[in-house]
mmCIF file of all heavy atoms, coordinates in Angstrom:
data_MODEL
# 
_entry.id   MODEL 
# 
loop_
_atom_site.group_PDB 
_atom_site.id 
_atom_site.type_symbol 
_atom_site.label_atom_id 
_atom_site.label_alt_id 
_atom_site.label_comp_id 
_atom_site.label_asym_id 
_atom_site.label_entity_id 
_atom_site.label_seq_id 
_atom_site.pdbx_PDB_ins_code 
_atom_site.Cartn_x 
_atom_site.Cartn_y 
_atom_site.Cartn_z 
_atom_site.occupancy 
_atom_site.B_iso_or_equiv 
_atom_site.pdbx_formal_charge 
_atom_site.auth_seq_id 
_atom_site.auth_comp_id 
_atom_site.auth_asym_id 
_atom_site.auth_atom_id 
_atom_site.pdbx_PDB_model_num 
ATOM 1   N N   . ALA A 1 1  ? 137.245 -114.319 233.557 1.00 0.00 ? 1  ALA A N   1 
ATOM 2   C CA  . ALA A 1 1  ? 136.639 -114.418 232.230 1.00 0.00 ? 1  ALA A CA  1 
ATOM 3   C C   . ALA A 1 1  ? 137.660 -114.268 231.112 1.00 0.00 ? 1  ALA A C   1 
ATOM 4   O O   . ALA A 1 1  ? 137.311 -114.173 229.954 1.00 0.00 ? 1  ALA A O   1 
ATOM 5   C CB  . ALA A 1 1  ? 135.559 -113.342 232.092 1.00 0.00 ? 1  ALA A CB  1 
ATOM 6   N N   . THR A 1 2  ? 138.947 -114.266 231.450 1.00 0.00 ? 2  THR A N   1 
ATOM 7   C CA  . THR A 1 2  ? 139.995 -114.051 230.457 1.00 0.00 ? 2  THR A CA  1 
ATOM 8   C C   . THR A 1 2  ? 140.708 -115.363 230.146 1.00 0.00 ? 2  THR A C   1 
ATOM 9   O O   . THR A 1 2  ? 141.186 -116.045 231.047 1.00 0.00 ? 2  THR A O   1 
ATOM 10  C CB  . THR A 1 2  ? 141.009 -113.013 230.971 1.00 0.00 ? 2  THR A CB  1 
ATOM 11  O OG1 . THR A 1 2  ? 140.312 -111.802 231.258 1.00 0.00 ? 2  THR A OG1 1 
ATOM 12  C CG2 . THR A 1 2  ? 142.079 -112.733 229.931 1.00 0.00 ? 2  THR A CG2 1 
ATOM 13  N N   . PHE A 1 3  ? 140.769 -115.685 228.858 1.00 0.00 ? 3  PHE A N   1 
ATOM 14  C CA  . PHE A 1 3  ? 141.442 -116.889 228.375 1.00 0.00 ? 3  PHE A CA  1 
ATOM 15  C C   . PHE A 1 3  ? 142.559 -116.443 227.429 1.00 0.00 ? 3  PHE A C   1 
ATOM 16  O O   . PHE A 1 3  ? 142.342 -115.607 226.557 1.00 0.00 ? 3  PHE A O   1 
ATOM 17  C CB  . PHE A 1 3  ? 140.468 -117.798 227.616 1.00 0.00 ? 3  PHE A CB  1 
ATOM 18  C CG  . PHE A 1 3  ? 139.350 -118.309 228.471 1.00 0.00 ? 3  PHE A CG  1 
ATOM 19  C CD1 . PHE A 1 3  ? 138.197 -117.559 228.659 1.00 0.00 ? 3  PHE A CD1 1 
ATOM 20  C CD2 . PHE A 1 3  ? 139.449 -119.538 229.100 1.00 0.00 ? 3  PHE A CD2 1 
ATOM 21  C CE1 . PHE A 1 3  ? 137.167 -118.019 229.450 1.00 0.00 ? 3  PHE A CE1 1 
ATOM 22  C CE2 . PHE A 1 3  ? 138.416 -120.008 229.892 1.00 0.00 ? 3  PHE A CE2 1 
ATOM 23  C CZ  . PHE A 1 3  ? 137.276 -119.240 230.069 1.00 0.00 ? 3  PHE A CZ  1 
ATOM 24  N N   . VAL A 1 4  ? 143.752 -116.992 227.616 1.00 0.00 ? 4  VAL A N   1 
ATOM 25  C CA  . VAL A 1 4  ? 144.895 -116.638 226.775 1.00 0.00 ? 4  VAL A CA  1 
ATOM 26  C C   . VAL A 1 4  ? 145.294 -117.872 225.974 1.00 0.00 ? 4  VAL A C   1 
ATOM 27  O O   . VAL A 1 4  ? 145.661 -118.908 226.540 1.00 0.00 ? 4  VAL A O   1 
ATOM 28  C CB  . VAL A 1 4  ? 146.087 -116.136 227.622 1.00 0.00 ? 4  VAL A CB  1 
ATOM 29  C CG1 . VAL A 1 4  ? 147.254 -115.782 226.716 1.00 0.00 ? 4  VAL A CG1 1 
ATOM 30  C CG2 . VAL A 1 4  ? 145.667 -114.936 228.465 1.00 0.00 ? 4  VAL A CG2 1 
ATOM 31  N N   . PHE A 1 5  ? 145.221 -117.757 224.645 1.00 0.00 ? 5  PHE A N   1 
ATOM 32  C CA  . PHE A 1 5  ? 145.572 -118.841 223.735 1.00 0.00 ? 5  PHE A CA  1 
ATOM 33  C C   . PHE A 1 5  ? 146.957 -118.538 223.161 1.00 0.00 ? 5  PHE A C   1 
ATOM 34  O O   . PHE A 1 5  ? 147.208 -117.427 222.681 1.00 0.00 ? 5  PHE A O   1 
ATOM 35  C CB  . PHE A 1 5  ? 144.559 -118.920 222.589 1.00 0.00 ? 5  PHE A CB  1 
ATOM 36  C CG  . PHE A 1 5  ? 143.164 -119.251 223.042 1.00 0.00 ? 5  PHE A CG  1 
ATOM 37  C CD1 . PHE A 1 5  ? 142.317 -118.264 223.531 1.00 0.00 ? 5  PHE A CD1 1 
ATOM 38  C CD2 . PHE A 1 5  ? 142.704 -120.549 222.981 1.00 0.00 ? 5  PHE A CD2 1 
ATOM 39  C CE1 . PHE A 1 5  ? 141.036 -118.558 223.953 1.00 0.00 ? 5  PHE A CE1 1 
ATOM 40  C CE2 . PHE A 1 5  ? 141.421 -120.860 223.398 1.00 0.00 ? 5  PHE A CE2 1 
ATOM 41  C CZ  . PHE A 1 5  ? 140.590 -119.865 223.887 1.00 0.00 ? 5  PHE A CZ  1 
ATOM 42  N N   . THR A 1 6  ? 147.860 -119.527 223.203 1.00 0.00 ? 6  THR A N   1 
ATOM 43  C CA  . THR A 1 6  ? 149.216 -119.332 222.701 1.00 0.00 ? 6  THR A CA  1 
ATOM 44  C C   . THR A 1 6  ? 149.582 -120.484 221.766 1.00 0.00 ? 6  THR A C   1 
ATOM 45  O O   . THR A 1 6  ? 149.335 -121.649 222.090 1.00 0.00 ? 6  THR A O   1 
ATOM 46  C CB  . THR A 1 6  ? 150.225 -119.268 223.865 1.00 0.00 ? 6  THR A CB  1 
ATOM 47  O OG1 . THR A 1 6  ? 149.828 -118.229 224.760 1.00 0.00 ? 6  THR A OG1 1 
ATOM 48  C CG2 . THR A 1 6  ? 151.632 -118.991 223.358 1.00 0.00 ? 6  THR A CG2 1 
ATOM 49  N N   . VAL A 1 7  ? 150.180 -120.132 220.630 1.00 0.00 ? 7  VAL A N   1 
ATOM 50  C CA  . VAL A 1 7  ? 150.639 -121.120 219.648 1.00 0.00 ? 7  VAL A CA  1 
ATOM 51  C C   . VAL A 1 7  ? 152.079 -120.801 219.294 1.00 0.00 ? 7  VAL A C   1 
ATOM 52  O O   . VAL A 1 7  ? 152.442 -119.642 219.105 1.00 0.00 ? 7  VAL A O   1 
ATOM 53  C CB  . VAL A 1 7  ? 149.763 -121.078 218.372 1.00 0.00 ? 7  VAL A CB  1 
ATOM 54  C CG1 . VAL A 1 7  ? 150.284 -122.051 217.328 1.00 0.00 ? 7  VAL A CG1 1 
ATOM 55  C CG2 . VAL A 1 7  ? 148.319 -121.383 218.694 1.00 0.00 ? 7  VAL A CG2 1 
ATOM 56  N N   . LYS A 1 8  ? 152.894 -121.843 219.206 1.00 0.00 ? 8  LYS A N   1 
ATOM 57  C CA  . LYS A 1 8  ? 154.301 -121.672 218.828 1.00 0.00 ? 8  LYS A CA  1 
ATOM 58  C C   . LYS A 1 8  ? 154.597 -122.579 217.641 1.00 0.00 ? 8  LYS A C   1 
ATOM 59  O O   . LYS A 1 8  ? 154.125 -123.722 217.602 1.00 0.00 ? 8  LYS A O   1 
ATOM 60  C CB  . LYS A 1 8  ? 155.215 -122.026 220.014 1.00 0.00 ? 8  LYS A CB  1 
ATOM 61  C CG  . LYS A 1 8  ? 156.671 -121.744 219.765 1.00 0.00 ? 8  LYS A CG  1 
ATOM 62  C CD  . LYS A 1 8  ? 157.495 -121.989 221.022 1.00 0.00 ? 8  LYS A CD  1 
ATOM 63  C CE  . LYS A 1 8  ? 158.940 -121.642 220.790 1.00 0.00 ? 8  LYS A CE  1 
ATOM 64  N NZ  . LYS A 1 8  ? 159.748 -121.848 221.996 1.00 0.00 ? 8  LYS A NZ  1 
ATOM 65  N N   . ASP A 1 9  ? 155.401 -122.077 216.687 1.00 0.00 ? 9  ASP A N   1 
ATOM 66  C CA  . ASP A 1 9  ? 155.739 -122.905 215.526 1.00 0.00 ? 9  ASP A CA  1 
ATOM 67  C C   . ASP A 1 9  ? 157.196 -123.361 215.573 1.00 0.00 ? 9  ASP A C   1 
ATOM 68  O O   . ASP A 1 9  ? 157.949 -122.991 216.477 1.00 0.00 ? 9  ASP A O   1 
ATOM 69  C CB  . ASP A 1 9  ? 155.397 -122.190 214.211 1.00 0.00 ? 9  ASP A CB  1 
ATOM 70  C CG  . ASP A 1 9  ? 156.310 -121.025 213.876 1.00 0.00 ? 9  ASP A CG  1 
ATOM 71  O OD1 . ASP A 1 9  ? 157.371 -120.872 214.498 1.00 0.00 ? 9  ASP A OD1 1 
ATOM 72  O OD2 . ASP A 1 9  ? 155.951 -120.253 212.960 1.00 0.00 ? 9  ASP A OD2 1 
ATOM 73  N N   . SER A 1 10 ? 157.574 -124.173 214.591 1.00 0.00 ? 10 SER A N   1 
ATOM 74  C CA  . SER A 1 10 ? 158.903 -124.781 214.563 1.00 0.00 ? 10 SER A CA  1 
ATOM 75  C C   . SER A 1 10 ? 160.020 -123.764 214.345 1.00 0.00 ? 10 SER A C   1 
ATOM 76  O O   . SER A 1 10 ? 161.183 -124.073 214.572 1.00 0.00 ? 10 SER A O   1 
ATOM 77  C CB  . SER A 1 10 ? 158.964 -125.852 213.469 1.00 0.00 ? 10 SER A CB  1 
ATOM 78  O OG  . SER A 1 10 ? 158.634 -125.282 212.209 1.00 0.00 ? 10 SER A OG  1 
ATOM 79  N N   . ARG A 1 11 ? 159.699 -122.567 213.953 1.00 0.00 ? 11 ARG A N   1 
ATOM 80  C CA  . ARG A 1 11 ? 160.711 -121.522 213.776 1.00 0.00 ? 11 ARG A CA  1 
ATOM 81  C C   . ARG A 1 11 ? 160.832 -120.633 215.009 1.00 0.00 ? 11 ARG A C   1 
ATOM 82  O O   . ARG A 1 11 ? 161.564 -119.668 215.007 1.00 0.00 ? 11 ARG A O   1 
ATOM 83  C CB  . ARG A 1 11 ? 160.375 -120.675 212.559 1.00 0.00 ? 11 ARG A CB  1 
ATOM 84  C CG  . ARG A 1 11 ? 160.430 -121.471 211.276 1.00 0.00 ? 11 ARG A CG  1 
ATOM 85  C CD  . ARG A 1 11 ? 160.113 -120.607 210.102 1.00 0.00 ? 11 ARG A CD  1 
ATOM 86  N NE  . ARG A 1 11 ? 160.105 -121.433 208.898 1.00 0.00 ? 11 ARG A NE  1 
ATOM 87  C CZ  . ARG A 1 11 ? 159.999 -120.965 207.689 1.00 0.00 ? 11 ARG A CZ  1 
ATOM 88  N NH1 . ARG A 1 11 ? 159.907 -119.669 207.496 1.00 0.00 ? 11 ARG A NH1 1 
ATOM 89  N NH2 . ARG A 1 11 ? 159.988 -121.779 206.670 1.00 0.00 ? 11 ARG A NH2 1 
ATOM 90  N N   . GLY A 1 12 ? 160.086 -120.967 216.061 1.00 0.00 ? 12 GLY A N   1 
ATOM 91  C CA  . GLY A 1 12 ? 160.158 -120.190 217.296 1.00 0.00 ? 12 GLY A CA  1 
ATOM 92  C C   . GLY A 1 12 ? 159.207 -119.009 217.362 1.00 0.00 ? 12 GLY A C   1 
ATOM 93  O O   . GLY A 1 12 ? 159.213 -118.254 218.325 1.00 0.00 ? 12 GLY A O   1 
ATOM 94  N N   . ASN A 1 13 ? 158.400 -118.829 216.310 1.00 0.00 ? 13 ASN A N   1 
ATOM 95  C CA  . ASN A 1 13 ? 157.417 -117.743 216.324 1.00 0.00 ? 13 ASN A CA  1 
ATOM 96  C C   . ASN A 1 13 ? 156.270 -118.095 217.259 1.00 0.00 ? 13 ASN A C   1 
ATOM 97  O O   . ASN A 1 13 ? 155.805 -119.232 217.284 1.00 0.00 ? 13 ASN A O   1 
ATOM 98  C CB  . ASN A 1 13 ? 156.872 -117.483 214.918 1.00 0.00 ? 13 ASN A CB  1 
ATOM 99  C CG  . ASN A 1 13 ? 157.962 -117.060 213.959 1.00 0.00 ? 13 ASN A CG  1 
ATOM 100 O OD1 . ASN A 1 13 ? 158.751 -116.180 214.266 1.00 0.00 ? 13 ASN A OD1 1 
ATOM 101 N ND2 . ASN A 1 13 ? 158.026 -117.716 212.808 1.00 0.00 ? 13 ASN A ND2 1 
ATOM 102 N N   . THR A 1 14 ? 155.817 -117.118 218.024 1.00 0.00 ? 14 THR A N   1 
ATOM 103 C CA  . THR A 1 14 ? 154.730 -117.325 218.970 1.00 0.00 ? 14 THR A CA  1 
ATOM 104 C C   . THR A 1 14 ? 153.630 -116.322 218.685 1.00 0.00 ? 14 THR A C   1 
ATOM 105 O O   . THR A 1 14 ? 153.889 -115.149 218.439 1.00 0.00 ? 14 THR A O   1 
ATOM 106 C CB  . THR A 1 14 ? 155.219 -117.137 220.424 1.00 0.00 ? 14 THR A CB  1 
ATOM 107 O OG1 . THR A 1 14 ? 156.278 -118.064 220.667 1.00 0.00 ? 14 THR A OG1 1 
ATOM 108 C CG2 . THR A 1 14 ? 154.109 -117.382 221.416 1.00 0.00 ? 14 THR A CG2 1 
ATOM 109 N N   . ARG A 1 15 ? 152.393 -116.794 218.719 1.00 0.00 ? 15 ARG A N   1 
ATOM 110 C CA  . ARG A 1 15 ? 151.233 -115.918 218.573 1.00 0.00 ? 15 ARG A CA  1 
ATOM 111 C C   . ARG A 1 15 ? 150.345 -116.133 219.784 1.00 0.00 ? 15 ARG A C   1 
ATOM 112 O O   . ARG A 1 15 ? 150.044 -117.265 220.160 1.00 0.00 ? 15 ARG A O   1 
ATOM 113 C CB  . ARG A 1 15 ? 150.464 -116.214 217.300 1.00 0.00 ? 15 ARG A CB  1 
ATOM 114 C CG  . ARG A 1 15 ? 149.255 -115.302 217.147 1.00 0.00 ? 15 ARG A CG  1 
ATOM 115 C CD  . ARG A 1 15 ? 148.583 -115.478 215.816 1.00 0.00 ? 15 ARG A CD  1 
ATOM 116 N NE  . ARG A 1 15 ? 147.409 -114.602 215.774 1.00 0.00 ? 15 ARG A NE  1 
ATOM 117 C CZ  . ARG A 1 15 ? 146.342 -114.860 215.071 1.00 0.00 ? 15 ARG A CZ  1 
ATOM 118 N NH1 . ARG A 1 15 ? 146.283 -115.948 214.337 1.00 0.00 ? 15 ARG A NH1 1 
ATOM 119 N NH2 . ARG A 1 15 ? 145.324 -114.027 215.079 1.00 0.00 ? 15 ARG A NH2 1 
ATOM 120 N N   . THR A 1 16 ? 149.919 -115.039 220.381 1.00 0.00 ? 16 THR A N   1 
ATOM 121 C CA  . THR A 1 16 ? 149.054 -115.092 221.550 1.00 0.00 ? 16 THR A CA  1 
ATOM 122 C C   . THR A 1 16 ? 147.802 -114.280 221.283 1.00 0.00 ? 16 THR A C   1 
ATOM 123 O O   . THR A 1 16 ? 147.880 -113.189 220.706 1.00 0.00 ? 16 THR A O   1 
ATOM 124 C CB  . THR A 1 16 ? 149.779 -114.532 222.792 1.00 0.00 ? 16 THR A CB  1 
ATOM 125 O OG1 . THR A 1 16 ? 150.946 -115.313 223.014 1.00 0.00 ? 16 THR A OG1 1 
ATOM 126 C CG2 . THR A 1 16 ? 148.904 -114.596 224.023 1.00 0.00 ? 16 THR A CG2 1 
ATOM 127 N N   . GLN A 1 17 ? 146.660 -114.823 221.685 1.00 0.00 ? 17 GLN A N   1 
ATOM 128 C CA  . GLN A 1 17 ? 145.402 -114.102 221.556 1.00 0.00 ? 17 GLN A CA  1 
ATOM 129 C C   . GLN A 1 17 ? 144.648 -114.213 222.875 1.00 0.00 ? 17 GLN A C   1 
ATOM 130 O O   . GLN A 1 17 ? 144.524 -115.298 223.432 1.00 0.00 ? 17 GLN A O   1 
ATOM 131 C CB  . GLN A 1 17 ? 144.554 -114.658 220.420 1.00 0.00 ? 17 GLN A CB  1 
ATOM 132 C CG  . GLN A 1 17 ? 143.270 -113.889 220.197 1.00 0.00 ? 17 GLN A CG  1 
ATOM 133 C CD  . GLN A 1 17 ? 142.529 -114.351 218.949 1.00 0.00 ? 17 GLN A CD  1 
ATOM 134 O OE1 . GLN A 1 17 ? 142.983 -115.235 218.225 1.00 0.00 ? 17 GLN A OE1 1 
ATOM 135 N NE2 . GLN A 1 17 ? 141.388 -113.765 218.702 1.00 0.00 ? 17 GLN A NE2 1 
ATOM 136 N N   . THR A 1 18 ? 144.158 -113.090 223.364 1.00 0.00 ? 18 THR A N   1 
ATOM 137 C CA  . THR A 1 18 ? 143.397 -113.065 224.604 1.00 0.00 ? 18 THR A CA  1 
ATOM 138 C C   . THR A 1 18 ? 141.926 -112.878 224.284 1.00 0.00 ? 18 THR A C   1 
ATOM 139 O O   . THR A 1 18 ? 141.548 -112.007 223.496 1.00 0.00 ? 18 THR A O   1 
ATOM 140 C CB  . THR A 1 18 ? 143.877 -111.910 225.509 1.00 0.00 ? 18 THR A CB  1 
ATOM 141 O OG1 . THR A 1 18 ? 145.275 -112.103 225.776 1.00 0.00 ? 18 THR A OG1 1 
ATOM 142 C CG2 . THR A 1 18 ? 143.112 -111.877 226.817 1.00 0.00 ? 18 THR A CG2 1 
ATOM 143 N N   . VAL A 1 19 ? 141.093 -113.719 224.894 1.00 0.00 ? 19 VAL A N   1 
ATOM 144 C CA  . VAL A 1 19 ? 139.646 -113.662 224.698 1.00 0.00 ? 19 VAL A CA  1 
ATOM 145 C C   . VAL A 1 19 ? 139.004 -113.483 226.067 1.00 0.00 ? 19 VAL A C   1 
ATOM 146 O O   . VAL A 1 19 ? 139.318 -114.215 227.003 1.00 0.00 ? 19 VAL A O   1 
ATOM 147 C CB  . VAL A 1 19 ? 139.119 -114.952 224.032 1.00 0.00 ? 19 VAL A CB  1 
ATOM 148 C CG1 . VAL A 1 19 ? 137.610 -114.928 223.913 1.00 0.00 ? 19 VAL A CG1 1 
ATOM 149 C CG2 . VAL A 1 19 ? 139.773 -115.153 222.674 1.00 0.00 ? 19 VAL A CG2 1 
ATOM 150 N N   . THR A 1 20 ? 138.113 -112.494 226.169 1.00 0.00 ? 20 THR A N   1 
ATOM 151 C CA  . THR A 1 20 ? 137.393 -112.270 227.414 1.00 0.00 ? 20 THR A CA  1 
ATOM 152 C C   . THR A 1 20 ? 135.914 -112.538 227.185 1.00 0.00 ? 20 THR A C   1 
ATOM 153 O O   . THR A 1 20 ? 135.323 -112.016 226.241 1.00 0.00 ? 20 THR A O   1 
ATOM 154 C CB  . THR A 1 20 ? 137.607 -110.823 227.912 1.00 0.00 ? 20 THR A CB  1 
ATOM 155 O OG1 . THR A 1 20 ? 139.004 -110.614 228.085 1.00 0.00 ? 20 THR A OG1 1 
ATOM 156 C CG2 . THR A 1 20 ? 136.903 -110.596 229.231 1.00 0.00 ? 20 THR A CG2 1 
ATOM 157 N N   . LYS A 1 21 ? 135.334 -113.362 228.034 1.00 0.00 ? 21 LYS A N   1 
ATOM 158 C CA  . LYS A 1 21 ? 133.924 -113.747 227.931 1.00 0.00 ? 21 LYS A CA  1 
ATOM 159 C C   . LYS A 1 21 ? 133.151 -113.217 229.128 1.00 0.00 ? 21 LYS A C   1 
ATOM 160 O O   . LYS A 1 21 ? 133.724 -112.874 230.159 1.00 0.00 ? 21 LYS A O   1 
ATOM 161 C CB  . LYS A 1 21 ? 133.787 -115.279 227.868 1.00 0.00 ? 21 LYS A CB  1 
ATOM 162 C CG  . LYS A 1 21 ? 134.370 -115.894 226.632 1.00 0.00 ? 21 LYS A CG  1 
ATOM 163 C CD  . LYS A 1 21 ? 133.563 -115.470 225.437 1.00 0.00 ? 21 LYS A CD  1 
ATOM 164 C CE  . LYS A 1 21 ? 133.968 -116.188 224.173 1.00 0.00 ? 21 LYS A CE  1 
ATOM 165 N NZ  . LYS A 1 21 ? 133.132 -115.817 223.055 1.00 0.00 ? 21 LYS A NZ  1 
ATOM 166 N N   . THR A 1 22 ? 131.845 -113.173 228.991 1.00 0.00 ? 22 THR A N   1 
ATOM 167 C CA  . THR A 1 22 ? 130.983 -112.777 230.098 1.00 0.00 ? 22 THR A CA  1 
ATOM 168 C C   . THR A 1 22 ? 130.669 -114.000 230.934 1.00 0.00 ? 22 THR A C   1 
ATOM 169 O O   . THR A 1 22 ? 130.225 -115.022 230.403 1.00 0.00 ? 22 THR A O   1 
ATOM 170 C CB  . THR A 1 22 ? 129.674 -112.163 229.565 1.00 0.00 ? 22 THR A CB  1 
ATOM 171 O OG1 . THR A 1 22 ? 130.012 -111.030 228.758 1.00 0.00 ? 22 THR A OG1 1 
ATOM 172 C CG2 . THR A 1 22 ? 128.772 -111.735 230.704 1.00 0.00 ? 22 THR A CG2 1 
ATOM 173 N N   . LEU A 1 23 ? 130.913 -113.913 232.229 1.00 0.00 ? 23 LEU A N   1 
ATOM 174 C CA  . LEU A 1 23 ? 130.598 -115.015 233.134 1.00 0.00 ? 23 LEU A CA  1 
ATOM 175 C C   . LEU A 1 23 ? 129.248 -114.771 233.786 1.00 0.00 ? 23 LEU A C   1 
ATOM 176 O O   . LEU A 1 23 ? 128.860 -113.632 234.032 1.00 0.00 ? 23 LEU A O   1 
ATOM 177 C CB  . LEU A 1 23 ? 131.667 -115.144 234.221 1.00 0.00 ? 23 LEU A CB  1 
ATOM 178 C CG  . LEU A 1 23 ? 133.078 -115.470 233.763 1.00 0.00 ? 23 LEU A CG  1 
ATOM 179 C CD1 . LEU A 1 23 ? 133.995 -115.582 234.974 1.00 0.00 ? 23 LEU A CD1 1 
ATOM 180 C CD2 . LEU A 1 23 ? 133.113 -116.757 232.962 1.00 0.00 ? 23 LEU A CD2 1 
ATOM 181 N N   . ILE A 1 24 ? 128.543 -115.826 234.067 1.00 0.00 ? 24 ILE A N   1 
ATOM 182 C CA  . ILE A 1 24 ? 127.256 -115.756 234.756 1.00 0.00 ? 24 ILE A CA  1 
ATOM 183 C C   . ILE A 1 24 ? 127.460 -116.289 236.162 1.00 0.00 ? 24 ILE A C   1 
ATOM 184 O O   . ILE A 1 24 ? 127.889 -117.425 236.348 1.00 0.00 ? 24 ILE A O   1 
ATOM 185 C CB  . ILE A 1 24 ? 126.188 -116.594 234.018 1.00 0.00 ? 24 ILE A CB  1 
ATOM 186 C CG1 . ILE A 1 24 ? 126.008 -116.045 232.602 1.00 0.00 ? 24 ILE A CG1 1 
ATOM 187 C CG2 . ILE A 1 24 ? 124.886 -116.587 234.791 1.00 0.00 ? 24 ILE A CG2 1 
ATOM 188 C CD1 . ILE A 1 24 ? 125.142 -116.914 231.720 1.00 0.00 ? 24 ILE A CD1 1 
# 
């Protein structure tokens, strides 16, 4: 149920966000 979103920009900066959802 864990999804990791990652974004990188032209200056090499990286941002990561983890989202956990309820699975059925």
